[in-house]
Amino acid sequence: MQNTNQKNIWWKSCRDQGLGLWECPSFLFIFAGIVTIILMLVAYFVASFYASPEIAIASIASVTIFMVIISYIVDRAMNKVARARKELMQSNALLQKALHKAQKSDTLRENFVSMIVHDLRAPLVGIRFLAESLQNSKRIVSLTECHLSGKAIEASTQKMLRFVQNLLLVQKIEAKAFPIIKKNVNITPLLRSQIASQKAFAQKRNVTLKLFIPKKLPTCFCDPENTERIIENLIHNAVKYTKEKSTISIGVFLHTPGKSMREEAKQFRIPWHAPTQDENFTHASAALGIAVTDAGQGVPQKEQQKIFDKFHQIIAHQKKTEGVGLGLAIAKGITQAQGGIIGVTSVKGRGATFYCTIPIKSKV
């Protein structure tokens, strides 16, 4: 039984390497051994009939040594062939993987270019339409109409400018050329400022923004401008994907190392969507935690690690929303550059909670 298992092992090894029976070193070694034994017996019987015992022994020894040498040379050569073939198969697998990755990158690049054209075309068409309307007007345009047209042109221009700035920002983050200037900051004004700036977008979708802030919070040690970008992107993402006529909860709380962030948030009545088997988020250092909870469809488990990747919105083919999926990638890059963590938990059909931490003191 043991011999059968050993035979199966060496044969399976040769088969996995793509070697045929007559290319398998183990088989050739066994075959050479059998041939050697046969030749030894033949030499013995021949020498016994036609020569003295001394010559018979010398003949057997010569044949044996010769076959052993031949077997050794064949075995070494076939082992080299087997290793070379195995390396070739591994190289082919790596090339196939690289080719697949390159094809995926080409598809992603094509989709990205298409979405850039789509996102830039809409405001450009709007600006062109307003300019032509003013230029071709056969009556005197009132100051009110000029003012409204100017505001619309400014809004379209700001949208394009923001889009280009986000592209440059992502490039800097990936190149690790992103400057972070930390100082002690009160997080409350940053939260209120971003909620005020997102209010119009939320009202457009009949969404209510609700803020949860404890009475006493320590200052955090961060870059205030870039921390506002984190908050802005998390809130904007929540408004974009939540259900209409729903409420988005934005909360901040103090996190103590080793304690559950989710439980700490609940102490301040900050909603937090998470499945029962979810982790307790105890791996963060001392920080202020920010949680943004929406009432959307939620984020599938398999997507939760990818959602912060650049251009993930393209990969997910979410055609119903605007943008190319840079907001969460920017939020992740800034959070990690400041020494914090960022992530998402979700319950299907109920919504998702995006959370991040802002360190409250610098590392010594």
Protein backbone atom coordinates (compact mmCIF):
# COMPACT_ATOMS: atom_id res chain seq x y z
CA MET A 1 0.00 0.00 0.00
CA GLN A 2 2.86 2.34 0.93
CA ASN A 3 4.69 1.61 -2.35
CA THR A 4 1.53 2.40 -4.30
CA ASN A 5 1.20 5.74 -2.51
CA GLN A 6 4.86 6.59 -3.20
CA LYS A 7 4.37 5.70 -6.87
CA ASN A 8 1.33 7.93 -7.06
CA ILE A 9 3.27 10.76 -5.40
CA TRP A 10 6.19 10.78 -7.87
CA TRP A 11 3.90 10.26 -10.84
CA LYS A 12 1.61 13.11 -9.69
CA SER A 13 4.68 15.33 -9.25
CA CYS A 14 5.80 14.65 -12.83
CA ARG A 15 2.26 15.13 -14.15
CA ASP A 16 1.92 18.48 -12.33
CA GLN A 17 5.14 19.62 -14.00
CA GLY A 18 3.77 18.66 -17.41
CA LEU A 19 6.24 15.78 -17.91
CA GLY A 20 5.41 12.62 -19.81
CA LEU A 21 6.25 9.14 -18.52
CA TRP A 22 9.54 8.96 -20.46
CA GLU A 23 10.48 12.46 -19.31
CA CYS A 24 9.92 11.78 -15.62
CA PRO A 25 13.28 11.48 -13.75
CA SER A 26 11.87 9.12 -11.11
CA PHE A 27 10.50 6.73 -13.73
CA LEU A 28 13.75 6.85 -15.74
CA PHE A 29 15.77 6.10 -12.61
CA ILE A 30 13.60 3.04 -11.84
CA PHE A 31 13.73 1.96 -15.48
CA ALA A 32 17.53 2.30 -15.56
CA GLY A 33 17.76 0.22 -12.38
CA ILE A 34 15.67 -2.57 -13.92
CA VAL A 35 17.76 -2.48 -17.11
CA THR A 36 20.94 -2.64 -15.01
CA ILE A 37 19.73 -5.73 -13.15
CA ILE A 38 18.75 -7.45 -16.39
CA LEU A 39 22.12 -6.64 -17.99
CA MET A 40 23.92 -7.90 -14.89
CA LEU A 41 22.08 -11.23 -15.09
CA VAL A 42 22.72 -11.51 -18.83
CA ALA A 43 26.41 -10.72 -18.34
CA TYR A 44 26.67 -13.28 -15.53
CA PHE A 45 25.14 -16.12 -17.55
CA VAL A 46 27.15 -15.30 -20.69
CA ALA A 47 30.38 -15.03 -18.74
CA SER A 48 29.63 -18.28 -16.85
CA PHE A 49 29.43 -20.25 -20.11
CA TYR A 50 32.28 -18.61 -22.02
CA ALA A 51 34.76 -17.39 -19.40
CA SER A 52 36.21 -18.00 -15.97
CA PRO A 53 34.41 -16.78 -12.82
CA GLU A 54 36.90 -13.90 -12.43
CA ILE A 55 36.09 -12.61 -15.92
CA ALA A 56 32.35 -13.00 -15.24
CA ILE A 57 32.63 -10.94 -12.08
CA ALA A 58 34.70 -8.29 -13.86
CA SER A 59 32.16 -8.14 -16.71
CA ILE A 60 29.24 -7.72 -14.29
CA ALA A 61 31.09 -5.00 -12.37
CA SER A 62 31.91 -3.15 -15.63
CA VAL A 63 28.31 -3.27 -16.85
CA THR A 64 27.04 -2.21 -13.43
CA ILE A 65 29.43 0.78 -13.21
CA PHE A 66 28.60 1.77 -16.78
CA MET A 67 24.84 1.66 -16.18
CA VAL A 68 25.12 3.51 -12.89
CA ILE A 69 27.06 6.28 -14.63
CA ILE A 70 24.54 6.41 -17.47
CA SER A 71 21.64 6.44 -14.99
CA TYR A 72 23.24 9.23 -12.99
CA ILE A 73 23.84 11.35 -16.11
CA VAL A 74 20.29 10.76 -17.38
CA ASP A 75 18.82 11.51 -13.97
CA ARG A 76 20.76 14.78 -13.66
CA ALA A 77 19.80 15.83 -17.17
CA MET A 78 16.13 15.02 -16.72
CA ASN A 79 16.05 16.83 -13.38
CA LYS A 80 17.40 19.91 -15.11
CA VAL A 81 14.77 19.52 -17.81
CA ALA A 82 12.07 19.14 -15.17
CA ARG A 83 13.24 22.25 -13.29
CA ALA A 84 13.49 24.22 -16.51
CA ARG A 85 9.98 23.19 -17.53
CA LYS A 86 8.61 24.05 -14.09
CA GLU A 87 10.25 27.48 -14.23
CA LEU A 88 8.87 27.96 -17.73
CA MET A 89 5.35 27.09 -16.54
CA GLN A 90 5.69 29.54 -13.65
CA SER A 91 6.95 32.23 -16.02
CA ASN A 92 4.02 31.57 -18.36
CA ALA A 93 1.61 31.85 -15.43
CA LEU A 94 3.17 35.18 -14.40
CA LEU A 95 3.01 36.41 -17.99
CA GLN A 96 -0.65 35.41 -18.24
CA LYS A 97 -1.37 37.24 -15.00
CA ALA A 98 0.52 40.32 -16.21
CA LEU A 99 -1.32 40.20 -19.53
CA HIS A 100 -4.67 39.95 -17.74
CA LYS A 101 -3.71 42.88 -15.52
CA ALA A 102 -2.62 44.92 -18.54
CA GLN A 103 -5.89 44.16 -20.35
CA LYS A 104 -7.83 45.14 -17.24
CA SER A 105 -5.82 48.37 -16.98
CA ASP A 106 -6.51 49.14 -20.65
CA THR A 107 -10.24 48.60 -20.10
CA LEU A 108 -10.16 50.72 -16.96
CA ARG A 109 -8.27 53.47 -18.78
CA GLU A 110 -10.77 53.48 -21.64
CA ASN A 111 -13.69 53.63 -19.20
CA PHE A 112 -11.94 56.36 -17.24
CA VAL A 113 -11.40 58.49 -20.34
CA SER A 114 -15.06 58.00 -21.27
CA MET A 115 -16.20 59.12 -17.83
CA ILE A 116 -13.86 62.12 -17.88
CA VAL A 117 -15.34 63.17 -21.21
CA HIS A 118 -18.85 62.65 -19.83
CA ASP A 119 -18.18 64.61 -16.61
CA LEU A 120 -16.47 67.51 -18.39
CA ARG A 121 -18.85 67.64 -21.32
CA ALA A 122 -21.97 68.39 -19.26
CA PRO A 123 -20.67 71.63 -17.64
CA LEU A 124 -18.98 72.70 -20.89
CA VAL A 125 -22.24 72.27 -22.81
CA GLY A 126 -24.02 74.27 -20.11
CA ILE A 127 -21.51 77.10 -20.34
CA ARG A 128 -21.71 77.10 -24.13
CA PHE A 129 -25.52 77.17 -24.04
CA LEU A 130 -25.58 80.13 -21.64
CA ALA A 131 -22.96 82.01 -23.65
CA GLU A 132 -24.87 81.47 -26.91
CA SER A 133 -28.14 82.50 -25.26
CA LEU A 134 -26.63 85.76 -24.07
CA GLN A 135 -24.87 86.37 -27.38
CA ASN A 136 -27.89 85.66 -29.58
CA SER A 137 -30.43 87.44 -27.40
CA LYS A 138 -32.41 89.99 -29.45
CA ARG A 139 -33.44 91.95 -26.41
CA ILE A 140 -31.69 93.73 -23.62
CA VAL A 141 -30.69 91.22 -20.98
CA SER A 142 -31.58 92.29 -17.46
CA LEU A 143 -29.08 92.44 -14.63
CA THR A 144 -30.94 89.62 -12.90
CA GLU A 145 -30.58 87.35 -15.93
CA CYS A 146 -26.89 88.23 -16.24
CA HIS A 147 -26.40 87.50 -12.57
CA LEU A 148 -28.15 84.12 -12.81
CA SER A 149 -26.22 83.18 -15.95
CA GLY A 150 -22.98 84.23 -14.29
CA LYS A 151 -23.76 82.06 -11.26
CA ALA A 152 -24.55 79.08 -13.49
CA ILE A 153 -21.31 79.54 -15.46
CA GLU A 154 -19.36 79.88 -12.21
CA ALA A 155 -20.94 76.68 -10.82
CA SER A 156 -20.06 74.74 -13.97
CA THR A 157 -16.52 76.11 -13.92
CA GLN A 158 -16.11 75.19 -10.24
CA LYS A 159 -17.31 71.67 -10.98
CA MET A 160 -14.71 71.19 -13.71
CA LEU A 161 -11.98 72.78 -11.60
CA ARG A 162 -12.81 70.52 -8.65
CA PHE A 163 -12.68 67.49 -10.93
CA VAL A 164 -9.21 68.41 -12.21
CA GLN A 165 -7.99 69.21 -8.68
CA ASN A 166 -9.12 65.78 -7.48
CA LEU A 167 -7.20 64.09 -10.28
CA LEU A 168 -4.05 66.00 -9.36
CA LEU A 169 -4.62 65.27 -5.66
CA VAL A 170 -4.86 61.52 -6.26
CA GLN A 171 -1.68 61.65 -8.33
CA LYS A 172 0.18 63.42 -5.49
CA ILE A 173 -1.10 60.93 -2.91
CA GLU A 174 0.04 57.96 -5.01
CA ALA A 175 3.44 59.59 -5.60
CA LYS A 176 3.77 60.19 -1.81
CA ALA A 177 4.32 63.87 -2.62
CA PHE A 178 1.31 64.96 -0.62
CA PRO A 179 2.18 67.56 2.06
CA ILE A 180 0.57 67.15 5.50
CA ILE A 181 0.95 70.09 7.88
CA LYS A 182 -0.36 69.06 11.29
CA LYS A 183 -1.44 71.26 14.16
CA ASN A 184 -3.92 71.16 17.03
CA VAL A 185 -7.40 71.61 15.58
CA ASN A 186 -10.94 71.83 16.95
CA ILE A 187 -12.89 69.34 14.84
CA THR A 188 -16.36 70.84 15.52
CA PRO A 189 -16.08 73.88 13.19
CA LEU A 190 -14.79 71.63 10.38
CA LEU A 191 -17.82 69.34 10.71
CA ARG A 192 -20.31 72.23 10.83
CA SER A 193 -18.65 73.91 7.85
CA GLN A 194 -18.86 70.80 5.68
CA ILE A 195 -22.45 70.06 6.68
CA ALA A 196 -23.35 73.63 5.66
CA SER A 197 -21.56 73.25 2.31
CA GLN A 198 -23.35 69.94 1.58
CA LYS A 199 -26.77 71.20 2.68
CA ALA A 200 -27.90 72.30 -0.80
CA PHE A 201 -26.95 68.94 -2.32
CA ALA A 202 -28.75 67.12 0.47
CA GLN A 203 -31.91 69.25 0.11
CA LYS A 204 -31.93 68.54 -3.61
CA ARG A 205 -32.30 64.84 -2.75
CA ASN A 206 -34.68 65.43 0.19
CA VAL A 207 -32.02 64.18 2.61
CA THR A 208 -31.57 65.46 6.17
CA LEU A 209 -28.10 65.84 7.68
CA LYS A 210 -28.01 65.24 11.44
CA LEU A 211 -24.92 66.07 13.50
CA PHE A 212 -23.92 64.35 16.77
CA ILE A 213 -21.19 66.16 18.76
CA PRO A 214 -20.37 65.50 22.44
CA LYS A 215 -20.07 68.51 24.71
CA LYS A 216 -16.38 67.95 25.48
CA LEU A 217 -13.88 66.85 22.87
CA PRO A 218 -10.09 67.19 22.85
CA THR A 219 -8.38 68.89 19.94
CA CYS A 220 -7.04 66.61 17.24
CA PHE A 221 -3.58 66.77 15.70
CA CYS A 222 -4.09 66.98 11.95
CA ASP A 223 -3.98 69.05 8.78
CA PRO A 224 -7.23 71.08 9.00
CA GLU A 225 -7.65 71.71 5.26
CA ASN A 226 -7.13 68.09 4.31
CA THR A 227 -9.23 66.83 7.22
CA GLU A 228 -12.08 68.91 5.79
CA ARG A 229 -11.56 67.06 2.51
CA ILE A 230 -12.03 63.75 4.31
CA ILE A 231 -15.26 64.92 5.95
CA GLU A 232 -16.52 66.48 2.72
CA ASN A 233 -15.96 63.30 0.68
CA LEU A 234 -17.55 61.03 3.28
CA ILE A 235 -20.67 63.22 3.58
CA HIS A 236 -20.94 63.77 -0.19
CA ASN A 237 -20.64 60.02 -0.80
CA ALA A 238 -23.35 59.31 1.78
CA VAL A 239 -25.76 61.84 0.25
CA LYS A 240 -25.11 60.48 -3.23
CA TYR A 241 -25.98 56.88 -2.32
CA THR A 242 -28.59 57.20 0.42
CA LYS A 243 -32.32 56.85 -0.18
CA GLU A 244 -34.35 59.97 -0.82
CA LYS A 245 -36.22 61.42 2.17
CA SER A 246 -33.82 59.71 4.57
CA THR A 247 -31.46 60.95 7.29
CA ILE A 248 -27.68 60.85 7.27
CA SER A 249 -26.03 60.85 10.70
CA ILE A 250 -22.61 62.46 11.12
CA GLY A 251 -21.03 61.92 14.51
CA VAL A 252 -17.71 62.42 16.27
CA PHE A 253 -16.54 60.67 19.44
CA LEU A 254 -13.40 60.02 21.45
CA HIS A 255 -11.78 56.64 20.84
CA THR A 256 -9.64 54.99 23.51
CA PRO A 257 -7.14 52.33 22.36
CA GLY A 258 -8.41 48.80 22.94
CA LYS A 259 -12.06 49.79 23.17
CA SER A 260 -14.77 49.20 20.58
CA MET A 261 -15.28 52.19 18.31
CA ARG A 262 -18.79 51.02 17.53
CA GLU A 263 -19.72 50.86 21.22
CA GLU A 264 -18.10 54.24 21.86
CA ALA A 265 -20.19 55.75 19.05
CA LYS A 266 -23.37 54.19 20.43
CA GLN A 267 -22.72 55.85 23.81
CA PHE A 268 -23.34 59.17 22.08
CA ARG A 269 -26.34 57.74 20.19
CA ILE A 270 -24.48 57.84 16.89
CA PRO A 271 -26.07 55.25 14.51
CA TRP A 272 -23.69 52.57 13.26
CA HIS A 273 -24.61 49.88 10.71
CA ALA A 274 -22.70 46.66 11.29
CA PRO A 275 -23.51 42.95 11.06
CA THR A 276 -23.47 40.93 14.27
CA GLN A 277 -20.28 39.10 13.29
CA ASP A 278 -18.41 42.33 12.64
CA GLU A 279 -15.18 43.23 14.42
CA ASN A 280 -15.09 45.66 17.35
CA PHE A 281 -12.60 48.14 15.79
CA THR A 282 -10.18 48.07 18.71
CA HIS A 283 -7.05 48.35 16.56
CA ALA A 284 -6.99 52.15 16.30
CA SER A 285 -4.72 54.37 18.41
CA ALA A 286 -6.02 57.24 20.57
CA ALA A 287 -8.04 59.42 18.22
CA LEU A 288 -11.26 61.19 17.42
CA GLY A 289 -13.55 58.87 15.51
CA ILE A 290 -15.86 60.20 12.79
CA ALA A 291 -18.80 58.08 11.65
CA VAL A 292 -21.07 58.88 8.69
CA THR A 293 -24.11 56.59 8.53
CA ASP A 294 -26.47 56.59 5.53
CA ALA A 295 -29.69 54.77 4.67
CA GLY A 296 -28.74 53.38 1.28
CA GLN A 297 -28.63 49.82 -0.04
CA GLY A 298 -25.41 49.09 1.80
CA VAL A 299 -22.01 47.92 0.56
CA PRO A 300 -21.60 44.17 -0.18
CA GLN A 301 -18.93 42.39 1.85
CA LYS A 302 -16.78 41.63 -1.20
CA GLU A 303 -16.81 45.31 -2.21
CA GLN A 304 -15.89 46.78 1.17
CA GLN A 305 -12.13 46.40 0.63
CA LYS A 306 -12.32 47.72 -2.95
CA ILE A 307 -14.58 50.71 -2.44
CA PHE A 308 -11.67 52.94 -1.40
CA ASP A 309 -9.69 52.06 -4.54
CA LYS A 310 -9.19 54.66 -7.22
CA PHE A 311 -11.91 54.60 -9.89
CA HIS A 312 -13.80 51.79 -8.14
CA GLN A 313 -17.03 53.39 -9.32
CA ILE A 314 -15.99 52.57 -12.89
CA ILE A 315 -15.27 48.96 -12.00
CA ALA A 316 -18.62 48.66 -10.24
CA HIS A 317 -20.36 50.13 -13.34
CA GLN A 318 -22.47 52.44 -11.25
CA LYS A 319 -23.86 54.40 -14.17
CA LYS A 320 -26.61 56.11 -12.19
CA THR A 321 -24.24 58.35 -10.24
CA GLU A 322 -21.91 61.11 -11.33
CA GLY A 323 -18.17 61.13 -10.83
CA VAL A 324 -15.35 58.66 -11.35
CA GLY A 325 -15.01 57.39 -7.79
CA LEU A 326 -12.12 59.55 -6.54
CA GLY A 327 -13.69 60.87 -3.32
CA LEU A 328 -13.19 57.82 -1.13
CA ALA A 329 -9.70 57.20 -2.56
CA ILE A 330 -8.75 60.75 -1.57
CA ALA A 331 -10.27 60.31 1.90
CA LYS A 332 -8.29 57.09 2.38
CA GLY A 333 -5.01 58.62 1.20
CA ILE A 334 -5.31 61.65 3.51
CA THR A 335 -6.46 59.58 6.50
CA GLN A 336 -3.54 57.19 6.23
CA ALA A 337 -1.07 60.04 5.63
CA GLN A 338 -2.23 61.57 8.94
CA GLY A 339 -1.79 58.27 10.79
CA GLY A 340 -5.47 57.32 10.99
CA ILE A 341 -7.58 54.42 9.74
CA ILE A 342 -10.62 54.40 7.49
CA GLY A 343 -13.19 51.75 6.62
CA VAL A 344 -16.83 50.83 6.14
CA THR A 345 -19.34 48.47 7.70
CA SER A 346 -22.74 47.76 6.26
CA VAL A 347 -26.02 45.91 6.58
CA LYS A 348 -27.69 45.02 3.28
CA GLY A 349 -30.82 47.05 2.62
CA ARG A 350 -30.33 49.27 5.67
CA GLY A 351 -27.26 51.33 4.85
CA ALA A 352 -23.57 51.74 5.54
CA THR A 353 -21.36 53.44 8.11
CA PHE A 354 -18.13 54.98 6.87
CA TYR A 355 -15.70 55.69 9.68
CA CYS A 356 -12.26 57.23 10.06
CA THR A 357 -9.97 58.31 12.88
CA ILE A 358 -8.09 61.59 13.37
CA PRO A 359 -5.13 61.32 15.79
CA ILE A 360 -5.39 63.54 18.87
CA LYS A 361 -1.64 63.90 19.37
CA SER A 362 1.54 63.52 17.37
CA LYS A 363 3.68 60.41 17.56
CA VAL A 364 6.92 60.89 19.45
